[in-house]
């Protein structure tokens, strides 16, 4: 069964998409720190260990999440506008499902076009 901490982390986590290949976790950390204190930044990787074009940012406080979306959605990194949205897309208020692992595949089940197998765990 999923612990309350896992559900609370879901409420504090954002999906960040359309990342250029040169974007690193350190860059995302510095950028998103403007919206509030962070606990984790992850860029998903493919089977060869190369960065994918998306990742996740987890804030210390859930109040930072809507502010980060308003502040950073569409900002350009290396010439590409990044997409910042709730972790579950339009299903941001979803109840935490204890039967779903927090992998990139599970996180994007609401967006099948982005569902991928990867080594990214959030």
N, C-alpha and C. Protein backbone atom coordinates (compact mmCIF):
# COMPACT_ATOMS: atom_id res chain seq x y z
N UNK A 1 0.84 -1.18 0.00
CA UNK A 1 0.00 0.00 0.00
C UNK A 1 0.88 1.24 0.00
N UNK A 2 0.44 2.27 -0.68
CA UNK A 2 1.21 3.50 -0.80
C UNK A 2 1.12 4.30 0.49
N UNK A 3 2.23 4.88 0.88
CA UNK A 3 2.25 5.69 2.09
C UNK A 3 1.76 7.10 1.78
N UNK A 4 1.25 7.82 2.77
CA UNK A 4 0.82 9.19 2.55
C UNK A 4 1.94 10.06 1.99
N UNK A 5 3.18 9.77 2.38
CA UNK A 5 4.31 10.54 1.87
C UNK A 5 4.44 10.47 0.37
N UNK A 6 4.14 9.29 -0.21
CA UNK A 6 4.20 9.14 -1.66
C UNK A 6 3.16 10.01 -2.34
N UNK A 7 1.95 10.05 -1.79
CA UNK A 7 0.89 10.86 -2.37
C UNK A 7 1.21 12.35 -2.23
N UNK A 8 1.76 12.71 -1.08
CA UNK A 8 2.14 14.10 -0.88
C UNK A 8 3.24 14.50 -1.85
N UNK A 9 4.19 13.59 -2.12
CA UNK A 9 5.24 13.89 -3.08
C UNK A 9 4.64 14.11 -4.47
N UNK A 10 3.63 13.34 -4.83
CA UNK A 10 2.98 13.51 -6.12
C UNK A 10 2.39 14.91 -6.24
N UNK A 11 1.85 15.44 -5.16
CA UNK A 11 1.28 16.79 -5.16
C UNK A 11 2.34 17.87 -5.28
N UNK A 12 3.58 17.53 -5.02
CA UNK A 12 4.68 18.51 -5.06
C UNK A 12 5.57 18.35 -6.29
N UNK A 13 5.20 17.46 -7.21
CA UNK A 13 6.05 17.13 -8.35
C UNK A 13 5.47 17.65 -9.65
N UNK A 14 6.34 18.24 -10.47
CA UNK A 14 5.96 18.73 -11.79
C UNK A 14 6.65 17.93 -12.88
N UNK A 15 5.95 17.76 -13.99
CA UNK A 15 6.52 17.22 -15.22
C UNK A 15 7.14 18.40 -15.97
N UNK A 16 8.34 18.20 -16.50
CA UNK A 16 9.01 19.23 -17.30
C UNK A 16 9.36 18.58 -18.64
N UNK A 17 8.78 19.06 -19.71
CA UNK A 17 8.98 18.45 -21.02
C UNK A 17 9.58 19.39 -22.04
N UNK A 18 9.86 18.83 -23.22
CA UNK A 18 10.47 19.53 -24.36
C UNK A 18 11.86 20.05 -24.01
N UNK A 19 12.60 19.24 -23.25
CA UNK A 19 13.96 19.64 -22.86
C UNK A 19 14.94 19.37 -23.99
N UNK A 20 15.80 20.31 -24.25
CA UNK A 20 16.87 20.16 -25.22
C UNK A 20 17.91 19.21 -24.61
N UNK A 21 18.62 18.49 -25.45
CA UNK A 21 19.54 17.45 -24.96
C UNK A 21 20.67 17.98 -24.07
N UNK A 22 20.98 19.27 -24.16
CA UNK A 22 22.05 19.83 -23.33
C UNK A 22 21.60 20.21 -21.92
N UNK A 23 20.30 20.18 -21.67
CA UNK A 23 19.78 20.54 -20.35
C UNK A 23 20.15 19.44 -19.36
N UNK A 24 20.72 19.82 -18.25
CA UNK A 24 21.12 18.88 -17.19
C UNK A 24 20.30 19.15 -15.93
N UNK A 25 20.33 18.20 -15.03
CA UNK A 25 19.58 18.32 -13.78
C UNK A 25 19.99 19.56 -13.00
N UNK A 26 21.27 19.90 -13.03
CA UNK A 26 21.75 21.08 -12.31
C UNK A 26 21.11 22.36 -12.85
N UNK A 27 20.92 22.42 -14.16
CA UNK A 27 20.30 23.60 -14.78
C UNK A 27 18.84 23.70 -14.35
N UNK A 28 18.13 22.56 -14.39
CA UNK A 28 16.73 22.57 -13.95
C UNK A 28 16.63 22.95 -12.48
N UNK A 29 17.55 22.44 -11.68
CA UNK A 29 17.54 22.76 -10.25
C UNK A 29 17.64 24.28 -10.05
N UNK A 30 18.62 24.90 -10.69
CA UNK A 30 18.82 26.35 -10.54
C UNK A 30 17.62 27.13 -11.05
N UNK A 31 17.03 26.69 -12.15
CA UNK A 31 15.88 27.38 -12.73
C UNK A 31 14.66 27.28 -11.82
N UNK A 32 14.33 26.07 -11.39
CA UNK A 32 13.12 25.86 -10.60
C UNK A 32 13.26 26.33 -9.15
N UNK A 33 14.47 26.50 -8.69
CA UNK A 33 14.70 27.03 -7.35
C UNK A 33 14.09 28.43 -7.19
N UNK A 34 13.92 29.13 -8.31
CA UNK A 34 13.29 30.45 -8.28
C UNK A 34 11.85 30.39 -7.77
N UNK A 35 11.21 29.22 -7.92
CA UNK A 35 9.81 29.08 -7.50
C UNK A 35 9.67 28.56 -6.08
N UNK A 36 10.74 28.02 -5.51
CA UNK A 36 10.67 27.51 -4.15
C UNK A 36 11.71 26.43 -3.90
N UNK A 37 11.89 26.03 -2.64
CA UNK A 37 12.87 24.99 -2.30
C UNK A 37 12.52 23.66 -2.95
N UNK A 38 13.54 22.94 -3.41
CA UNK A 38 13.36 21.67 -4.11
C UNK A 38 13.86 20.50 -3.27
N UNK A 39 13.29 19.33 -3.51
CA UNK A 39 13.79 18.12 -2.87
C UNK A 39 14.43 17.16 -3.86
N UNK A 40 14.02 17.25 -5.15
CA UNK A 40 14.55 16.31 -6.14
C UNK A 40 14.34 16.84 -7.55
N UNK A 41 15.33 16.63 -8.41
CA UNK A 41 15.23 16.95 -9.83
C UNK A 41 15.75 15.73 -10.59
N UNK A 42 14.96 15.26 -11.55
CA UNK A 42 15.35 14.08 -12.31
C UNK A 42 15.07 14.30 -13.79
N UNK A 43 16.05 14.03 -14.64
CA UNK A 43 15.83 13.97 -16.08
C UNK A 43 15.88 12.49 -16.45
N UNK A 44 14.84 12.01 -17.09
CA UNK A 44 14.77 10.59 -17.45
C UNK A 44 15.79 10.26 -18.53
N UNK A 45 16.23 9.02 -18.52
CA UNK A 45 17.25 8.56 -19.47
C UNK A 45 16.74 7.34 -20.24
N UNK A 46 17.26 7.16 -21.46
CA UNK A 46 16.89 5.99 -22.25
C UNK A 46 17.74 4.79 -21.84
N UNK A 47 17.60 3.69 -22.56
CA UNK A 47 18.33 2.46 -22.22
C UNK A 47 19.84 2.63 -22.30
N UNK A 48 20.30 3.54 -23.15
CA UNK A 48 21.74 3.78 -23.29
C UNK A 48 22.26 4.81 -22.30
N UNK A 49 21.38 5.34 -21.47
CA UNK A 49 21.79 6.34 -20.49
C UNK A 49 21.78 7.76 -21.00
N UNK A 50 21.28 7.98 -22.21
CA UNK A 50 21.21 9.33 -22.76
C UNK A 50 19.96 10.04 -22.21
N UNK A 51 20.08 11.34 -21.95
CA UNK A 51 18.92 12.06 -21.40
C UNK A 51 17.76 12.12 -22.39
N UNK A 52 16.56 11.92 -21.87
CA UNK A 52 15.36 12.08 -22.68
C UNK A 52 14.95 13.54 -22.63
N UNK A 53 13.89 13.87 -23.32
CA UNK A 53 13.47 15.27 -23.40
C UNK A 53 12.49 15.66 -22.30
N UNK A 54 12.45 14.89 -21.21
CA UNK A 54 11.55 15.24 -20.11
C UNK A 54 12.12 14.78 -18.78
N UNK A 55 11.58 15.35 -17.73
CA UNK A 55 12.00 14.99 -16.38
C UNK A 55 10.98 15.47 -15.37
N UNK A 56 11.38 15.46 -14.10
CA UNK A 56 10.47 15.81 -13.02
C UNK A 56 11.20 16.66 -11.98
N UNK A 57 10.46 17.58 -11.40
CA UNK A 57 10.98 18.46 -10.36
C UNK A 57 10.04 18.34 -9.16
N UNK A 58 10.60 18.04 -8.00
CA UNK A 58 9.79 17.90 -6.78
C UNK A 58 10.14 19.03 -5.82
N UNK A 59 9.11 19.76 -5.40
CA UNK A 59 9.28 20.87 -4.47
C UNK A 59 9.10 20.41 -3.03
N UNK A 60 9.65 21.18 -2.13
CA UNK A 60 9.50 20.90 -0.70
C UNK A 60 8.07 21.21 -0.24
N UNK A 61 7.46 22.23 -0.85
CA UNK A 61 6.11 22.67 -0.47
C UNK A 61 5.19 22.65 -1.68
N UNK A 62 4.00 22.09 -1.54
CA UNK A 62 3.08 21.99 -2.67
C UNK A 62 2.61 23.37 -3.16
N UNK A 63 2.70 24.39 -2.32
CA UNK A 63 2.31 25.73 -2.73
C UNK A 63 3.21 26.29 -3.82
N UNK A 64 4.42 25.75 -3.95
CA UNK A 64 5.35 26.21 -4.97
C UNK A 64 4.97 25.72 -6.37
N UNK A 65 4.18 24.66 -6.44
CA UNK A 65 3.88 24.02 -7.72
C UNK A 65 3.13 24.94 -8.69
N UNK A 66 1.97 25.51 -8.32
CA UNK A 66 1.29 26.38 -9.28
C UNK A 66 2.10 27.63 -9.62
N UNK A 67 2.86 28.12 -8.66
CA UNK A 67 3.72 29.28 -8.92
C UNK A 67 4.77 28.93 -9.97
N UNK A 68 5.38 27.77 -9.85
CA UNK A 68 6.40 27.34 -10.82
C UNK A 68 5.81 27.21 -12.22
N UNK A 69 4.60 26.68 -12.31
CA UNK A 69 3.95 26.56 -13.63
C UNK A 69 3.75 27.94 -14.23
N UNK A 70 3.19 28.86 -13.45
CA UNK A 70 2.94 30.21 -13.94
C UNK A 70 4.23 30.93 -14.32
N UNK A 71 5.27 30.71 -13.54
CA UNK A 71 6.54 31.40 -13.74
C UNK A 71 7.37 30.83 -14.89
N UNK A 72 7.37 29.49 -15.04
CA UNK A 72 8.36 28.86 -15.92
C UNK A 72 7.81 28.15 -17.15
N UNK A 73 6.51 27.90 -17.22
CA UNK A 73 5.97 27.23 -18.40
C UNK A 73 6.20 28.10 -19.64
N UNK A 74 6.84 27.54 -20.64
CA UNK A 74 7.10 28.26 -21.88
C UNK A 74 8.44 28.98 -21.93
N UNK A 75 9.15 29.05 -20.81
CA UNK A 75 10.46 29.70 -20.82
C UNK A 75 11.39 28.91 -21.73
N UNK A 76 12.30 29.60 -22.41
CA UNK A 76 13.20 28.94 -23.36
C UNK A 76 14.51 28.55 -22.70
N UNK A 77 14.88 27.27 -22.88
CA UNK A 77 16.18 26.76 -22.46
C UNK A 77 16.87 26.24 -23.72
N UNK A 78 18.03 26.78 -24.01
CA UNK A 78 18.74 26.43 -25.24
C UNK A 78 17.83 26.56 -26.46
N UNK A 79 17.01 27.60 -26.47
CA UNK A 79 16.18 27.91 -27.62
C UNK A 79 14.86 27.15 -27.71
N UNK A 80 14.58 26.25 -26.77
CA UNK A 80 13.34 25.47 -26.82
C UNK A 80 12.45 25.85 -25.64
N UNK A 81 11.16 26.13 -25.92
CA UNK A 81 10.25 26.43 -24.81
C UNK A 81 9.94 25.16 -24.02
N UNK A 82 10.15 25.21 -22.72
CA UNK A 82 9.88 24.02 -21.92
C UNK A 82 8.40 23.97 -21.55
N UNK A 83 7.91 22.76 -21.36
CA UNK A 83 6.53 22.53 -20.98
C UNK A 83 6.52 22.13 -19.51
N UNK A 84 5.89 22.92 -18.68
CA UNK A 84 5.82 22.65 -17.25
C UNK A 84 4.35 22.42 -16.90
N UNK A 85 4.07 21.25 -16.35
CA UNK A 85 2.69 20.93 -15.98
C UNK A 85 2.66 20.03 -14.77
N UNK A 86 1.46 19.88 -14.21
CA UNK A 86 1.32 18.97 -13.08
C UNK A 86 1.80 17.58 -13.48
N UNK A 87 2.32 16.87 -12.55
CA UNK A 87 2.89 15.54 -12.77
C UNK A 87 1.94 14.63 -13.54
N UNK A 88 0.67 14.68 -13.25
CA UNK A 88 -0.31 13.83 -13.90
C UNK A 88 -1.08 14.58 -14.97
N UNK A 89 -0.49 15.62 -15.55
CA UNK A 89 -1.16 16.38 -16.59
C UNK A 89 -2.45 16.97 -16.06
N UNK A 90 -3.53 16.79 -16.80
CA UNK A 90 -4.80 17.37 -16.37
C UNK A 90 -5.43 16.60 -15.22
N UNK A 91 -4.82 15.48 -14.83
CA UNK A 91 -5.33 14.69 -13.72
C UNK A 91 -4.52 14.96 -12.45
N UNK A 92 -4.15 16.20 -12.22
CA UNK A 92 -3.27 16.54 -11.10
C UNK A 92 -3.90 16.24 -9.74
N UNK A 93 -5.21 16.15 -9.66
CA UNK A 93 -5.85 15.88 -8.38
C UNK A 93 -6.16 14.41 -8.20
N UNK A 94 -5.55 13.55 -9.00
CA UNK A 94 -5.79 12.11 -8.91
C UNK A 94 -5.39 11.58 -7.55
N UNK A 95 -6.13 10.60 -7.10
CA UNK A 95 -5.78 9.92 -5.86
C UNK A 95 -4.59 9.02 -6.13
N UNK A 96 -3.68 8.97 -5.19
CA UNK A 96 -2.48 8.15 -5.35
C UNK A 96 -2.89 6.68 -5.42
N UNK A 97 -2.47 5.97 -6.45
CA UNK A 97 -2.80 4.56 -6.64
C UNK A 97 -1.67 3.71 -6.10
N UNK A 98 -1.90 2.91 -5.07
CA UNK A 98 -0.83 2.12 -4.47
C UNK A 98 -0.31 1.02 -5.38
N UNK A 99 -1.04 0.69 -6.45
CA UNK A 99 -0.62 -0.39 -7.35
C UNK A 99 0.25 0.09 -8.50
N UNK A 100 0.49 1.39 -8.60
CA UNK A 100 1.30 1.93 -9.70
C UNK A 100 2.65 2.36 -9.16
N UNK A 101 3.71 1.83 -9.77
CA UNK A 101 5.06 2.27 -9.41
C UNK A 101 5.25 3.68 -9.94
N UNK A 102 6.09 4.45 -9.25
CA UNK A 102 6.35 5.83 -9.68
C UNK A 102 7.44 5.87 -10.74
N UNK A 103 7.23 5.22 -11.84
CA UNK A 103 8.19 5.26 -12.94
C UNK A 103 7.71 6.26 -13.96
N UNK A 104 8.55 6.62 -14.90
CA UNK A 104 8.13 7.55 -15.94
C UNK A 104 6.94 7.00 -16.71
N UNK A 105 6.92 5.70 -16.96
CA UNK A 105 5.81 5.10 -17.69
C UNK A 105 4.51 5.32 -16.94
N UNK A 106 4.49 5.04 -15.66
CA UNK A 106 3.28 5.21 -14.86
C UNK A 106 2.89 6.67 -14.77
N UNK A 107 3.86 7.55 -14.65
CA UNK A 107 3.57 8.97 -14.52
C UNK A 107 2.89 9.52 -15.74
N UNK A 108 3.15 8.95 -16.89
CA UNK A 108 2.60 9.48 -18.13
C UNK A 108 1.51 8.60 -18.70
N UNK A 109 0.91 7.76 -17.86
CA UNK A 109 -0.17 6.92 -18.36
C UNK A 109 -1.34 7.76 -18.85
N UNK A 110 -1.45 8.98 -18.35
CA UNK A 110 -2.51 9.88 -18.81
C UNK A 110 -2.17 10.50 -20.16
N UNK A 111 -0.92 10.40 -20.58
CA UNK A 111 -0.47 10.94 -21.87
C UNK A 111 0.23 9.84 -22.65
N UNK A 112 -0.53 8.94 -23.31
CA UNK A 112 0.05 7.78 -23.97
C UNK A 112 1.15 8.12 -24.98
N UNK A 113 1.09 9.28 -25.61
CA UNK A 113 2.12 9.61 -26.59
C UNK A 113 3.48 9.79 -25.95
N UNK A 114 3.51 10.01 -24.63
CA UNK A 114 4.77 10.21 -23.95
C UNK A 114 5.16 9.03 -23.08
N UNK A 115 4.33 7.99 -23.05
CA UNK A 115 4.63 6.83 -22.21
C UNK A 115 5.83 6.09 -22.79
N UNK A 116 6.83 5.90 -21.98
CA UNK A 116 8.06 5.26 -22.42
C UNK A 116 8.60 4.38 -21.32
N UNK A 117 9.41 3.42 -21.69
CA UNK A 117 10.14 2.64 -20.72
C UNK A 117 11.46 3.36 -20.48
N UNK A 118 11.80 3.55 -19.25
CA UNK A 118 13.06 4.22 -18.96
C UNK A 118 13.51 3.86 -17.56
N UNK A 119 14.68 4.36 -17.21
CA UNK A 119 15.23 4.09 -15.89
C UNK A 119 14.97 5.24 -14.93
N UNK A 120 14.01 6.07 -15.23
CA UNK A 120 13.73 7.24 -14.40
C UNK A 120 12.73 6.88 -13.32
N UNK A 121 13.13 7.03 -12.09
CA UNK A 121 12.24 6.78 -10.96
C UNK A 121 12.13 8.05 -10.15
N UNK A 122 10.92 8.43 -9.83
CA UNK A 122 10.69 9.68 -9.11
C UNK A 122 10.08 9.37 -7.76
